[in-house]
Protein backbone atom coordinates (compact mmCIF):
# COMPACT_ATOMS: atom_id res chain seq x y z
CA MET A 1 -11.04 11.19 -0.83
CA ARG A 2 -7.80 9.64 -2.35
CA CYS A 3 -6.54 6.26 -1.28
CA VAL A 4 -3.58 4.19 -2.04
CA ALA A 5 -3.88 0.37 -0.93
CA ALA A 6 -1.92 -2.73 -1.53
CA PRO A 7 -2.99 -6.35 -0.21
CA ILE A 8 -1.11 -8.29 2.38
CA ARG A 9 -0.51 -11.81 0.98
CA ASP A 10 -0.86 -14.78 3.45
CA ALA A 11 -3.19 -12.65 5.66
CA THR A 12 -6.59 -10.96 5.60
CA GLY A 13 -6.09 -7.38 5.00
CA ALA A 14 -4.19 -4.67 3.35
CA ILE A 15 -2.05 -1.39 3.95
CA SER A 16 -3.78 1.64 2.87
CA VAL A 17 -3.13 5.46 3.06
CA SER A 18 -6.17 7.77 2.74
CA ALA A 19 -6.54 11.54 2.67
CA THR A 20 -8.91 14.11 1.45
CA ARG A 21 -8.03 15.65 -1.91
CA PRO A 22 -6.36 19.07 -0.59
CA TYR A 23 -4.12 16.95 1.66
CA MET A 24 -3.15 14.41 -1.05
CA PRO A 25 -2.49 16.00 -4.49
CA ALA A 26 -2.32 13.56 -7.42
CA ALA A 27 1.48 13.63 -7.45
CA ARG A 28 1.74 12.62 -4.00
CA MET A 29 -0.76 9.77 -4.39
CA ARG A 30 1.38 8.51 -7.39
CA GLY A 31 4.48 8.79 -5.11
CA LEU A 32 2.77 6.60 -2.43
CA ASN A 33 2.04 3.78 -4.85
CA HIS A 34 5.65 2.71 -4.71
CA ILE A 35 6.04 3.18 -0.90
CA VAL A 36 2.81 1.38 0.00
CA GLY A 37 3.45 -1.61 -2.47
CA ARG A 38 6.90 -2.03 -1.09
CA ALA A 39 5.57 -1.94 2.63
CA ALA A 40 2.92 -4.69 1.63
CA ARG A 41 5.51 -6.90 -0.01
CA GLN A 42 7.75 -6.63 3.05
CA VAL A 43 4.91 -7.49 5.42
CA SER A 44 3.72 -10.35 3.22
CA ALA A 45 7.35 -11.80 3.07
CA GLY A 46 7.48 -11.60 6.89
CA LEU A 47 4.24 -13.69 7.02
CA GLY A 48 5.87 -16.23 4.71
CA HIS A 49 4.43 -15.34 1.32
CA ARG A 50 6.97 -15.96 -1.65
CA GLU A 51 6.46 -14.54 -4.99
CA PRO A 52 6.17 -16.96 -7.74
């Protein structure tokens, strides 16, 4: 299994994408880091979190 996850600030939870290795090569996993992180920041901002 491979998983990319990012926390949601001001809420209990996280965004994650998981797949078995054949369906998520290492390069794809690295590419998802930015996408998942950006989505988590957008959701967090929508919930009122502000970066320091």
